[in-house]
Amino acid sequence: MAIFISNDDARKLLPMDECIEVLEDLFRQESDGLVENIPRVRHRFVGPRTGTLMGGVVLGSKAYAIRLGNMSLLHDTDTGNLEAAIEPSTVAWVRTGAASGVATKYMALPDASIVGVIGTGRQSITQLEAICAVRPITTIKAFSRNAANREKFASEMSESLGVDVIPVASAEEAVSGSQIVVAITKSSIPVFDGAWLDPGTHVNAAGANSFMRSEIDDTTITRSAIVVVDNLNQAKTECGELIEAYERGLFRWRDAVELHEVVSGAVPGRPSDAAITLFESQGIGIEDTACYAHILRKALDLGVGQPLPF
């Protein structure tokens, strides 16, 4: 019998450290040819409403999942049976941060301790949780255009993470001197100047998952010794900044590296200590699928979830 898992259940069942481990295992499976991603498709309905279709197969986790708007259906690949209906938004929120955590683990300097984050909305929370889980972070500089928002965010995250989170008055102040930089906004134009990046900086660009958005400028892309994406085919349709750089002849898709190649060791994530590295995160269906499988196993062990009548 299948069970229903709510967003509240998912938050309890998927702590950040476990989510990072789940995604690392996923990307190793991908390098072994055990996954198939279903790229995201958005459908616009009446007015501003949209529907999302995405998912994938993760054979090592015996999981196949499809997300249809605000509900995901998880099937067992051995039996074909429906195992769970899962609300997807919390999983997407946590795994977006975890994907940046995995990239940071393999691409940032080992002793990186200073983070600059641009964007202080809900998505920024899991970005910082993940980075703090994989690096010895001591200072976070947070910038957003609204001073009250960034001050509130800094206070709350300082308490939550046990790290000194400082609200700063400009994007340049957030970026300059930071060893890890996170862009997590809905901006359609670049949010910082790549000339501000110090040698050795790792950048997580996690907010722009539409061809109409562009958080990262050409300078950041051209200064990066390695550009990593979570899925190349999806990046070609959703990663606005790389699409624009390609069209201007500043970037070649054949130079992009998929994250599973870095996790498996096929490609070094950090070419040198002085290299600037860039991870372009779109958020992909196989990440959700692997997380759903993990959540289901824990839910069954702990007796969490509501039985469904089918």
C-alpha atoms as a PDB file:
ATOM      1  CA  MET A   1       0.000   0.000   0.000  1.00  0.00           C
ATOM      2  CA  ALA A   2       1.294   3.449  -0.953  1.00  0.00           C
ATOM      3  CA  ILE A   3       1.646   6.267   1.573  1.00  0.00           C
ATOM      4  CA  PHE A   4       1.309  10.046   1.447  1.00  0.00           C
ATOM      5  CA  ILE A   5       4.274  12.106   2.695  1.00  0.00           C
ATOM      6  CA  SER A   6       3.669  15.795   3.370  1.00  0.00           C
ATOM      7  CA  ASN A   7       6.082  18.704   3.167  1.00  0.00           C
ATOM      8  CA  ASP A   8       6.233  18.767   6.978  1.00  0.00           C
ATOM      9  CA  ASP A   9       7.108  15.064   7.031  1.00  0.00           C
ATOM     10  CA  ALA A  10       9.771  15.570   4.381  1.00  0.00           C
ATOM     11  CA  ARG A  11      11.490  18.326   6.351  1.00  0.00           C
ATOM     12  CA  LYS A  12      11.842  16.003   9.354  1.00  0.00           C
ATOM     13  CA  LEU A  13      12.968  13.040   7.253  1.00  0.00           C
ATOM     14  CA  LEU A  14      15.566  14.865   5.121  1.00  0.00           C
ATOM     15  CA  PRO A  15      18.184  16.707   7.211  1.00  0.00           C
ATOM     16  CA  MET A  16      20.838  18.471   5.203  1.00  0.00           C
ATOM     17  CA  ASP A  17      23.751  16.172   6.000  1.00  0.00           C
ATOM     18  CA  GLU A  18      21.759  13.148   4.843  1.00  0.00           C
ATOM     19  CA  CYS A  19      20.581  14.940   1.705  1.00  0.00           C
ATOM     20  CA  ILE A  20      24.170  15.715   0.727  1.00  0.00           C
ATOM     21  CA  GLU A  21      25.077  12.035   1.150  1.00  0.00           C
ATOM     22  CA  VAL A  22      22.046  10.998  -0.929  1.00  0.00           C
ATOM     23  CA  LEU A  23      23.071  13.296  -3.779  1.00  0.00           C
ATOM     24  CA  GLU A  24      26.694  12.160  -3.683  1.00  0.00           C
ATOM     25  CA  ASP A  25      25.470   8.580  -4.044  1.00  0.00           C
ATOM     26  CA  LEU A  26      23.153   9.670  -6.856  1.00  0.00           C
ATOM     27  CA  PHE A  27      25.970  11.268  -8.849  1.00  0.00           C
ATOM     28  CA  ARG A  28      28.140   8.192  -8.411  1.00  0.00           C
ATOM     29  CA  GLN A  29      25.235   6.145  -9.754  1.00  0.00           C
ATOM     30  CA  GLU A  30      24.998   8.527 -12.684  1.00  0.00           C
ATOM     31  CA  SER A  31      28.650   7.950 -13.532  1.00  0.00           C
ATOM     32  CA  ASP A  32      27.891   4.220 -13.501  1.00  0.00           C
ATOM     33  CA  GLY A  33      25.038   4.711 -15.978  1.00  0.00           C
ATOM     34  CA  LEU A  34      22.284   3.899 -13.476  1.00  0.00           C
ATOM     35  CA  VAL A  35      20.139   7.022 -13.819  1.00  0.00           C
ATOM     36  CA  GLU A  36      18.012   8.754 -16.420  1.00  0.00           C
ATOM     37  CA  ASN A  37      16.886  12.346 -15.922  1.00  0.00           C
ATOM     38  CA  ILE A  38      13.565  13.707 -17.162  1.00  0.00           C
ATOM     39  CA  PRO A  39      14.224  17.412 -17.859  1.00  0.00           C
ATOM     40  CA  ARG A  40      11.825  19.957 -16.393  1.00  0.00           C
ATOM     41  CA  VAL A  41       8.997  21.185 -18.603  1.00  0.00           C
ATOM     42  CA  ARG A  42       6.840  24.109 -17.531  1.00  0.00           C
ATOM     43  CA  HIS A  43       3.305  24.605 -18.821  1.00  0.00           C
ATOM     44  CA  ARG A  44       1.496  27.909 -18.403  1.00  0.00           C
ATOM     45  CA  PHE A  45      -2.194  27.731 -17.612  1.00  0.00           C
ATOM     46  CA  VAL A  46      -4.635  30.534 -16.821  1.00  0.00           C
ATOM     47  CA  GLY A  47      -2.995  33.795 -15.717  1.00  0.00           C
ATOM     48  CA  PRO A  48       0.298  33.351 -13.836  1.00  0.00           C
ATOM     49  CA  ARG A  49      -0.289  29.690 -12.953  1.00  0.00           C
ATOM     50  CA  THR A  50       2.167  27.127 -14.251  1.00  0.00           C
ATOM     51  CA  GLY A  51       2.479  23.380 -14.095  1.00  0.00           C
ATOM     52  CA  THR A  52       5.785  21.517 -13.758  1.00  0.00           C
ATOM     53  CA  LEU A  53       6.687  18.106 -15.131  1.00  0.00           C
ATOM     54  CA  MET A  54      10.023  16.537 -14.160  1.00  0.00           C
ATOM     55  CA  GLY A  55      11.477  13.388 -12.649  1.00  0.00           C
ATOM     56  CA  GLY A  56      13.763  10.493 -13.410  1.00  0.00           C
ATOM     57  CA  VAL A  57      14.928   6.945 -12.814  1.00  0.00           C
ATOM     58  CA  VAL A  58      17.565   6.023 -10.199  1.00  0.00           C
ATOM     59  CA  LEU A  59      18.128   2.299 -10.557  1.00  0.00           C
ATOM     60  CA  GLY A  60      20.506   1.921  -7.618  1.00  0.00           C
ATOM     61  CA  SER A  61      17.757   3.293  -5.386  1.00  0.00           C
ATOM     62  CA  LYS A  62      15.086   1.205  -7.172  1.00  0.00           C
ATOM     63  CA  ALA A  63      13.174   4.435  -7.719  1.00  0.00           C
ATOM     64  CA  TYR A  64      11.229   6.081 -10.505  1.00  0.00           C
ATOM     65  CA  ALA A  65       9.458   9.376  -9.807  1.00  0.00           C
ATOM     66  CA  ILE A  66       7.503  11.940 -11.725  1.00  0.00           C
ATOM     67  CA  ARG A  67       6.488  15.355 -10.451  1.00  0.00           C
ATOM     68  CA  LEU A  68       3.221  16.778 -11.724  1.00  0.00           C
ATOM     69  CA  GLY A  69       2.766  20.277 -10.327  1.00  0.00           C
ATOM     70  CA  ASN A  70       2.402  20.095  -6.548  1.00  0.00           C
ATOM     71  CA  MET A  71       2.528  16.299  -6.211  1.00  0.00           C
ATOM     72  CA  SER A  72       5.180  13.666  -6.962  1.00  0.00           C
ATOM     73  CA  LEU A  73       4.536   9.968  -7.490  1.00  0.00           C
ATOM     74  CA  LEU A  74       7.253   7.474  -6.545  1.00  0.00           C
ATOM     75  CA  HIS A  75       7.347   3.960  -8.018  1.00  0.00           C
ATOM     76  CA  ASP A  76       9.548   0.928  -7.332  1.00  0.00           C
ATOM     77  CA  THR A  77      11.517  -0.009 -10.458  1.00  0.00           C
ATOM     78  CA  ASP A  78      11.585  -3.703  -9.495  1.00  0.00           C
ATOM     79  CA  THR A  79       7.839  -4.121  -9.072  1.00  0.00           C
ATOM     80  CA  GLY A  80       6.430  -1.101 -10.887  1.00  0.00           C
ATOM     81  CA  ASN A  81       4.203  -0.433  -7.882  1.00  0.00           C
ATOM     82  CA  LEU A  82       3.310   3.041  -6.676  1.00  0.00           C
ATOM     83  CA  GLU A  83       4.968   3.453  -3.286  1.00  0.00           C
ATOM     84  CA  ALA A  84       4.358   7.061  -2.292  1.00  0.00           C
ATOM     85  CA  ALA A  85       2.695  10.335  -3.154  1.00  0.00           C
ATOM     86  CA  ILE A  86       4.974  13.101  -1.911  1.00  0.00           C
ATOM     87  CA  GLU A  87       4.525  16.854  -1.674  1.00  0.00           C
ATOM     88  CA  PRO A  88       7.613  18.109  -3.549  1.00  0.00           C
ATOM     89  CA  SER A  89       8.349  21.671  -2.473  1.00  0.00           C
ATOM     90  CA  THR A  90      10.283  20.916   0.732  1.00  0.00           C
ATOM     91  CA  VAL A  91      12.363  18.246  -0.998  1.00  0.00           C
ATOM     92  CA  ALA A  92      13.177  20.684  -3.819  1.00  0.00           C
ATOM     93  CA  TRP A  93      14.162  23.326  -1.283  1.00  0.00           C
ATOM     94  CA  VAL A  94      16.516  21.058   0.644  1.00  0.00           C
ATOM     95  CA  ARG A  95      18.076  19.293  -2.360  1.00  0.00           C
ATOM     96  CA  THR A  96      18.776  22.621  -4.106  1.00  0.00           C
ATOM     97  CA  GLY A  97      20.940  23.559  -1.156  1.00  0.00           C
ATOM     98  CA  ALA A  98      22.432  20.064  -0.966  1.00  0.00           C
ATOM     99  CA  ALA A  99      23.471  20.143  -4.627  1.00  0.00           C
ATOM    100  CA  SER A 100      25.444  23.315  -3.918  1.00  0.00           C
ATOM    101  CA  GLY A 101      26.865  21.562  -0.872  1.00  0.00           C
ATOM    102  CA  VAL A 102      28.101  18.672  -3.000  1.00  0.00           C
ATOM    103  CA  ALA A 103      29.635  21.066  -5.522  1.00  0.00           C
ATOM    104  CA  THR A 104      31.269  23.064  -2.729  1.00  0.00           C
ATOM    105  CA  LYS A 105      32.697  19.890  -1.169  1.00  0.00           C
ATOM    106  CA  TYR A 106      34.494  19.001  -4.400  1.00  0.00           C
ATOM    107  CA  MET A 107      35.237  22.450  -5.852  1.00  0.00           C
ATOM    108  CA  ALA A 108      35.934  24.961  -3.051  1.00  0.00           C
ATOM    109  CA  LEU A 109      39.256  25.360  -1.270  1.00  0.00           C
ATOM    110  CA  PRO A 110      39.449  22.817   1.578  1.00  0.00           C
ATOM    111  CA  ASP A 111      39.954  25.506   4.213  1.00  0.00           C
ATOM    112  CA  ALA A 112      37.424  27.992   2.800  1.00  0.00           C
ATOM    113  CA  SER A 113      35.835  29.774   5.746  1.00  0.00           C
ATOM    114  CA  ILE A 114      34.292  33.004   4.397  1.00  0.00           C
ATOM    115  CA  VAL A 115      31.066  33.014   2.378  1.00  0.00           C
ATOM    116  CA  GLY A 116      29.402  35.856   0.534  1.00  0.00           C
ATOM    117  CA  VAL A 117      25.735  35.329  -0.310  1.00  0.00           C
ATOM    118  CA  ILE A 118      23.624  37.528  -2.574  1.00  0.00           C
ATOM    119  CA  GLY A 119      19.954  36.947  -1.887  1.00  0.00           C
ATOM    120  CA  THR A 120      18.386  36.519   1.546  1.00  0.00           C
ATOM    121  CA  GLY A 121      15.149  34.734   0.722  1.00  0.00           C
ATOM    122  CA  ARG A 122      14.014  31.255   1.741  1.00  0.00           C
ATOM    123  CA  GLN A 123      16.282  29.511  -0.775  1.00  0.00           C
ATOM    124  CA  SER A 124      19.345  31.098   0.797  1.00  0.00           C
ATOM    125  CA  ILE A 125      18.725  29.185   4.027  1.00  0.00           C
ATOM    126  CA  THR A 126      19.471  25.730   2.631  1.00  0.00           C
ATOM    127  CA  GLN A 127      22.355  27.056   0.541  1.00  0.00           C
ATOM    128  CA  LEU A 128      24.122  28.158   3.715  1.00  0.00           C
ATOM    129  CA  GLU A 129      23.122  25.052   5.682  1.00  0.00           C
ATOM    130  CA  ALA A 130      24.755  22.899   2.997  1.00  0.00           C
ATOM    131  CA  ILE A 131      27.935  24.946   2.699  1.00  0.00           C
ATOM    132  CA  CYS A 132      28.385  24.948   6.477  1.00  0.00           C
ATOM    133  CA  ALA A 133      27.990  21.160   6.433  1.00  0.00           C
ATOM    134  CA  VAL A 134      30.995  20.674   4.116  1.00  0.00           C
ATOM    135  CA  ARG A 135      33.380  23.531   4.979  1.00  0.00           C
ATOM    136  CA  PRO A 136      34.644  25.113   8.252  1.00  0.00           C
ATOM    137  CA  ILE A 137      32.720  28.346   7.784  1.00  0.00           C
ATOM    138  CA  THR A 138      33.333  31.109  10.308  1.00  0.00           C
ATOM    139  CA  THR A 139      31.906  34.194   8.548  1.00  0.00           C
ATOM    140  CA  ILE A 140      29.016  34.792   6.141  1.00  0.00           C
ATOM    141  CA  LYS A 141      28.406  38.164   4.500  1.00  0.00           C
ATOM    142  CA  ALA A 142      24.798  38.543   3.356  1.00  0.00           C
ATOM    143  CA  PHE A 143      23.504  41.111   0.865  1.00  0.00           C
ATOM    144  CA  SER A 144      20.076  41.821  -0.555  1.00  0.00           C
ATOM    145  CA  ARG A 145      18.576  45.068  -1.776  1.00  0.00           C
ATOM    146  CA  ASN A 146      16.240  45.417   1.227  1.00  0.00           C
ATOM    147  CA  ALA A 147      18.230  46.386   4.317  1.00  0.00           C
ATOM    148  CA  ALA A 148      15.570  45.199   6.768  1.00  0.00           C
ATOM    149  CA  ASN A 149      15.377  41.805   5.075  1.00  0.00           C
ATOM    150  CA  ARG A 150      19.119  41.218   5.128  1.00  0.00           C
ATOM    151  CA  GLU A 151      19.446  42.291   8.748  1.00  0.00           C
ATOM    152  CA  LYS A 152      16.640  39.949   9.806  1.00  0.00           C
ATOM    153  CA  PHE A 153      18.126  37.119   7.730  1.00  0.00           C
ATOM    154  CA  ALA A 154      21.591  37.645   9.223  1.00  0.00           C
ATOM    155  CA  SER A 155      20.256  37.581  12.773  1.00  0.00           C
ATOM    156  CA  GLU A 156      18.208  34.427  12.233  1.00  0.00           C
ATOM    157  CA  MET A 157      20.939  32.566  10.367  1.00  0.00           C
ATOM    158  CA  SER A 158      23.581  33.475  12.943  1.00  0.00           C
ATOM    159  CA  GLU A 159      21.470  31.793  15.579  1.00  0.00           C
ATOM    160  CA  SER A 160      20.543  28.836  13.390  1.00  0.00           C
ATOM    161  CA  LEU A 161      24.033  28.062  12.072  1.00  0.00           C
ATOM    162  CA  GLY A 162      26.158  29.194  15.012  1.00  0.00           C
ATOM    163  CA  VAL A 163      28.212  31.246  12.559  1.00  0.00           C
ATOM    164  CA  ASP A 164      28.864  34.985  12.366  1.00  0.00           C
ATOM    165  CA  VAL A 165      26.431  36.191   9.650  1.00  0.00           C
ATOM    166  CA  ILE A 166      26.939  39.859   8.816  1.00  0.00           C
ATOM    167  CA  PRO A 167      24.532  42.002   6.769  1.00  0.00           C
ATOM    168  CA  VAL A 168      26.488  44.079   4.256  1.00  0.00           C
ATOM    169  CA  ALA A 169      25.455  47.113   2.248  1.00  0.00           C
ATOM    170  CA  SER A 170      26.578  46.078  -1.238  1.00  0.00           C
ATOM    171  CA  ALA A 171      27.121  43.086  -3.478  1.00  0.00           C
ATOM    172  CA  GLU A 172      30.781  44.059  -3.808  1.00  0.00           C
ATOM    173  CA  GLU A 173      31.235  43.846  -0.056  1.00  0.00           C
ATOM    174  CA  ALA A 174      29.662  40.392  -0.047  1.00  0.00           C
ATOM    175  CA  VAL A 175      31.865  39.097  -2.881  1.00  0.00           C
ATOM    176  CA  SER A 176      35.243  40.712  -2.216  1.00  0.00           C
ATOM    177  CA  GLY A 177      37.391  38.662   0.141  1.00  0.00           C
ATOM    178  CA  SER A 178      34.998  35.697   0.142  1.00  0.00           C
ATOM    179  CA  GLN A 179      36.251  32.210  -0.682  1.00  0.00           C
ATOM    180  CA  ILE A 180      32.776  30.929  -1.546  1.00  0.00           C
ATOM    181  CA  VAL A 181      30.163  33.104  -3.263  1.00  0.00           C
ATOM    182  CA  VAL A 182      26.498  32.187  -3.609  1.00  0.00           C
ATOM    183  CA  ALA A 183      24.046  33.873  -5.974  1.00  0.00           C
ATOM    184  CA  ILE A 184      20.506  32.821  -5.094  1.00  0.00           C
ATOM    185  CA  THR A 185      18.051  35.382  -6.501  1.00  0.00           C
ATOM    186  CA  LYS A 186      15.373  35.664  -9.185  1.00  0.00           C
ATOM    187  CA  SER A 187      17.266  38.377 -11.021  1.00  0.00           C
ATOM    188  CA  SER A 188      17.201  38.680 -14.806  1.00  0.00           C
ATOM    189  CA  ILE A 189      20.497  40.595 -14.794  1.00  0.00           C
ATOM    190  CA  PRO A 190      23.887  39.797 -13.191  1.00  0.00           C
ATOM    191  CA  VAL A 191      23.978  40.522  -9.465  1.00  0.00           C
ATOM    192  CA  PHE A 192      27.737  41.053  -9.116  1.00  0.00           C
ATOM    193  CA  ASP A 193      30.816  41.890 -11.162  1.00  0.00           C
ATOM    194  CA  GLY A 194      33.073  38.901 -11.770  1.00  0.00           C
ATOM    195  CA  ALA A 195      36.096  41.210 -11.486  1.00  0.00           C
ATOM    196  CA  TRP A 196      35.415  41.314  -7.719  1.00  0.00           C
ATOM    197  CA  LEU A 197      36.158  37.593  -7.296  1.00  0.00           C
ATOM    198  CA  ASP A 198      39.427  36.778  -5.579  1.00  0.00           C
ATOM    199  CA  PRO A 199      41.636  34.002  -7.018  1.00  0.00           C
ATOM    200  CA  GLY A 200      40.596  30.647  -5.579  1.00  0.00           C
ATOM    201  CA  THR A 201      36.926  31.570  -5.126  1.00  0.00           C
ATOM    202  CA  HIS A 202      34.209  29.002  -5.717  1.00  0.00           C
ATOM    203  CA  VAL A 203      30.855  30.311  -7.003  1.00  0.00           C
ATOM    204  CA  ASN A 204      27.485  28.592  -6.636  1.00  0.00           C
ATOM    205  CA  ALA A 205      24.943  30.091  -9.025  1.00  0.00           C
ATOM    206  CA  ALA A 206      21.686  28.557  -7.849  1.00  0.00           C
ATOM    207  CA  GLY A 207      18.880  31.034  -8.465  1.00  0.00           C
ATOM    208  CA  ALA A 208      18.580  31.214 -12.245  1.00  0.00           C
ATOM    209  CA  ASN A 209      16.787  28.153 -13.614  1.00  0.00           C
ATOM    210  CA  SER A 210      15.154  29.849 -16.592  1.00  0.00           C
ATOM    211  CA  PHE A 211      16.633  31.103 -19.851  1.00  0.00           C
ATOM    212  CA  MET A 212      15.194  34.524 -18.957  1.00  0.00           C
ATOM    213  CA  ARG A 213      17.250  34.809 -15.745  1.00  0.00           C
ATOM    214  CA  SER A 214      20.934  35.659 -15.500  1.00  0.00           C
ATOM    215  CA  GLU A 215      22.616  36.135 -12.104  1.00  0.00           C
ATOM    216  CA  ILE A 216      26.201  35.621 -13.295  1.00  0.00           C
ATOM    217  CA  ASP A 217      28.041  37.929 -15.689  1.00  0.00           C
ATOM    218  CA  ASP A 218      30.360  37.098 -18.577  1.00  0.00           C
ATOM    219  CA  THR A 219      33.433  38.003 -16.520  1.00  0.00           C
ATOM    220  CA  THR A 220      32.643  35.320 -13.929  1.00  0.00           C
ATOM    221  CA  ILE A 221      32.168  32.722 -16.664  1.00  0.00           C
ATOM    222  CA  THR A 222      35.311  33.593 -18.586  1.00  0.00           C
ATOM    223  CA  ARG A 223      37.416  33.782 -15.413  1.00  0.00           C
ATOM    224  CA  SER A 224      36.262  30.334 -14.275  1.00  0.00           C
ATOM    225  CA  ALA A 225      38.776  27.555 -14.848  1.00  0.00           C
ATOM    226  CA  ILE A 226      35.953  25.004 -14.685  1.00  0.00           C
ATOM    227  CA  VAL A 227      32.202  25.387 -15.215  1.00  0.00           C
ATOM    228  CA  VAL A 228      30.133  22.558 -13.743  1.00  0.00           C
ATOM    229  CA  VAL A 229      26.429  21.931 -14.365  1.00  0.00           C
ATOM    230  CA  ASP A 230      24.133  19.377 -12.750  1.00  0.00           C
ATOM    231  CA  ASN A 231      22.799  18.280 -16.157  1.00  0.00           C
ATOM    232  CA  LEU A 232      24.087  19.479 -19.508  1.00  0.00           C
ATOM    233  CA  ASN A 233      20.880  19.029 -21.506  1.00  0.00           C
ATOM    234  CA  GLN A 234      18.836  20.919 -18.939  1.00  0.00           C
ATOM    235  CA  ALA A 235      21.465  23.676 -18.702  1.00  0.00           C
ATOM    236  CA  LYS A 236      21.202  24.200 -22.456  1.00  0.00           C
ATOM    237  CA  THR A 237      17.526  25.130 -22.077  1.00  0.00           C
ATOM    238  CA  GLU A 238      17.431  26.731 -18.605  1.00  0.00           C
ATOM    239  CA  CYS A 239      20.799  28.277 -17.725  1.00  0.00           C
ATOM    240  CA  GLY A 240      20.289  31.815 -18.983  1.00  0.00           C
ATOM    241  CA  GLU A 241      23.795  33.082 -18.260  1.00  0.00           C
ATOM    242  CA  LEU A 242      25.532  30.190 -20.047  1.00  0.00           C
ATOM    243  CA  ILE A 243      23.077  30.363 -22.946  1.00  0.00           C
ATOM    244  CA  GLU A 244      23.835  34.064 -23.384  1.00  0.00           C
ATOM    245  CA  ALA A 245      27.601  33.551 -23.057  1.00  0.00           C
ATOM    246  CA  TYR A 246      27.442  30.773 -25.663  1.00  0.00           C
ATOM    247  CA  GLU A 247      25.503  32.968 -28.070  1.00  0.00           C
ATOM    248  CA  ARG A 248      28.134  35.703 -27.692  1.00  0.00           C
ATOM    249  CA  GLY A 249      30.953  33.235 -28.373  1.00  0.00           C
ATOM    250  CA  LEU A 250      32.346  33.488 -24.824  1.00  0.00           C
ATOM    251  CA  PHE A 251      31.543  29.931 -23.742  1.00  0.00           C
ATOM    252  CA  ARG A 252      31.438  26.513 -25.392  1.00  0.00           C
ATOM    253  CA  TRP A 253      29.046  23.831 -24.205  1.00  0.00           C
ATOM    254  CA  ARG A 254      31.671  21.171 -24.795  1.00  0.00           C
ATOM    255  CA  ASP A 255      33.713  22.778 -22.034  1.00  0.00           C
ATOM    256  CA  ALA A 256      30.960  22.296 -19.439  1.00  0.00           C
ATOM    257  CA  VAL A 257      31.446  19.451 -16.955  1.00  0.00           C
ATOM    258  CA  GLU A 258      28.576  17.564 -15.324  1.00  0.00           C
ATOM    259  CA  LEU A 259      28.631  17.290 -11.550  1.00  0.00           C
ATOM    260  CA  HIS A 260      28.703  13.498 -11.584  1.00  0.00           C
ATOM    261  CA  GLU A 261      32.062  13.647 -13.405  1.00  0.00           C
ATOM    262  CA  VAL A 262      33.503  15.674 -10.534  1.00  0.00           C
ATOM    263  CA  VAL A 263      32.004  13.499  -7.787  1.00  0.00           C
ATOM    264  CA  SER A 264      33.267  10.310  -9.468  1.00  0.00           C
ATOM    265  CA  GLY A 265      36.777  11.762  -9.825  1.00  0.00           C
ATOM    266  CA  ALA A 266      36.743  11.634 -13.617  1.00  0.00           C
ATOM    267  CA  VAL A 267      37.354  15.415 -13.696  1.00  0.00           C
ATOM    268  CA  PRO A 268      39.080  17.387 -10.912  1.00  0.00           C
ATOM    269  CA  GLY A 269      36.709  19.911  -9.399  1.00  0.00           C
ATOM    270  CA  ARG A 270      39.540  22.300  -8.518  1.00  0.00           C
ATOM    271  CA  PRO A 271      42.306  22.620 -11.133  1.00  0.00           C
ATOM    272  CA  SER A 272      44.529  24.684  -8.801  1.00  0.00           C
ATOM    273  CA  ASP A 273      44.422  26.644  -5.559  1.00  0.00           C
ATOM    274  CA  ALA A 274      44.183  29.912  -7.486  1.00  0.00           C
ATOM    275  CA  ALA A 275      41.446  28.721  -9.860  1.00  0.00           C
ATOM    276  CA  ILE A 276      38.001  30.302  -9.830  1.00  0.00           C
ATOM    277  CA  THR A 277      35.381  27.555 -10.054  1.00  0.00           C
ATOM    278  CA  LEU A 278      31.705  27.848 -10.992  1.00  0.00           C
ATOM    279  CA  PHE A 279      28.747  25.552 -10.330  1.00  0.00           C
ATOM    280  CA  GLU A 280      25.582  26.319 -12.278  1.00  0.00           C
ATOM    281  CA  SER A 281      22.662  24.622 -10.533  1.00  0.00           C
ATOM    282  CA  GLN A 282      19.345  24.138 -12.296  1.00  0.00           C
ATOM    283  CA  GLY A 283      17.758  21.501 -10.034  1.00  0.00           C
ATOM    284  CA  ILE A 284      17.070  18.204 -11.766  1.00  0.00           C
ATOM    285  CA  GLY A 285      14.539  15.410 -11.495  1.00  0.00           C
ATOM    286  CA  ILE A 286      16.924  12.631 -10.558  1.00  0.00           C
ATOM    287  CA  GLU A 287      17.935  14.634  -7.466  1.00  0.00           C
ATOM    288  CA  ASP A 288      14.297  14.648  -6.387  1.00  0.00           C
ATOM    289  CA  THR A 289      13.904  10.943  -7.158  1.00  0.00           C
ATOM    290  CA  ALA A 290      16.897   9.913  -5.042  1.00  0.00           C
ATOM    291  CA  CYS A 291      15.640  12.050  -2.152  1.00  0.00           C
ATOM    292  CA  TYR A 292      12.134  10.602  -2.414  1.00  0.00           C
ATOM    293  CA  ALA A 293      13.535   7.058  -2.192  1.00  0.00           C
ATOM    294  CA  HIS A 294      15.546   7.993   0.913  1.00  0.00           C
ATOM    295  CA  ILE A 295      12.546   9.656   2.543  1.00  0.00           C
ATOM    296  CA  LEU A 296      10.308   6.683   1.823  1.00  0.00           C
ATOM    297  CA  ARG A 297      12.722   4.233   3.468  1.00  0.00           C
ATOM    298  CA  LYS A 298      12.878   6.386   6.609  1.00  0.00           C
ATOM    299  CA  ALA A 299       9.132   6.977   6.650  1.00  0.00           C
ATOM    300  CA  LEU A 300       8.441   3.245   6.570  1.00  0.00           C
ATOM    301  CA  ASP A 301      10.994   2.590   9.332  1.00  0.00           C
ATOM    302  CA  LEU A 302       9.584   5.349  11.555  1.00  0.00           C
ATOM    303  CA  GLY A 303       5.910   4.877  10.786  1.00  0.00           C
ATOM    304  CA  VAL A 304       5.600   8.331   9.200  1.00  0.00           C
ATOM    305  CA  GLY A 305       3.065   9.079   6.461  1.00  0.00           C
ATOM    306  CA  GLN A 306      -0.595   8.414   5.786  1.00  0.00           C
ATOM    307  CA  PRO A 307      -1.734   5.197   4.056  1.00  0.00           C
ATOM    308  CA  LEU A 308      -3.454   5.716   0.728  1.00  0.00           C
ATOM    309  CA  PRO A 309      -6.458   3.645  -0.334  1.00  0.00           C
ATOM    310  CA  PHE A 310      -4.683   2.251  -3.420  1.00  0.00           C
END
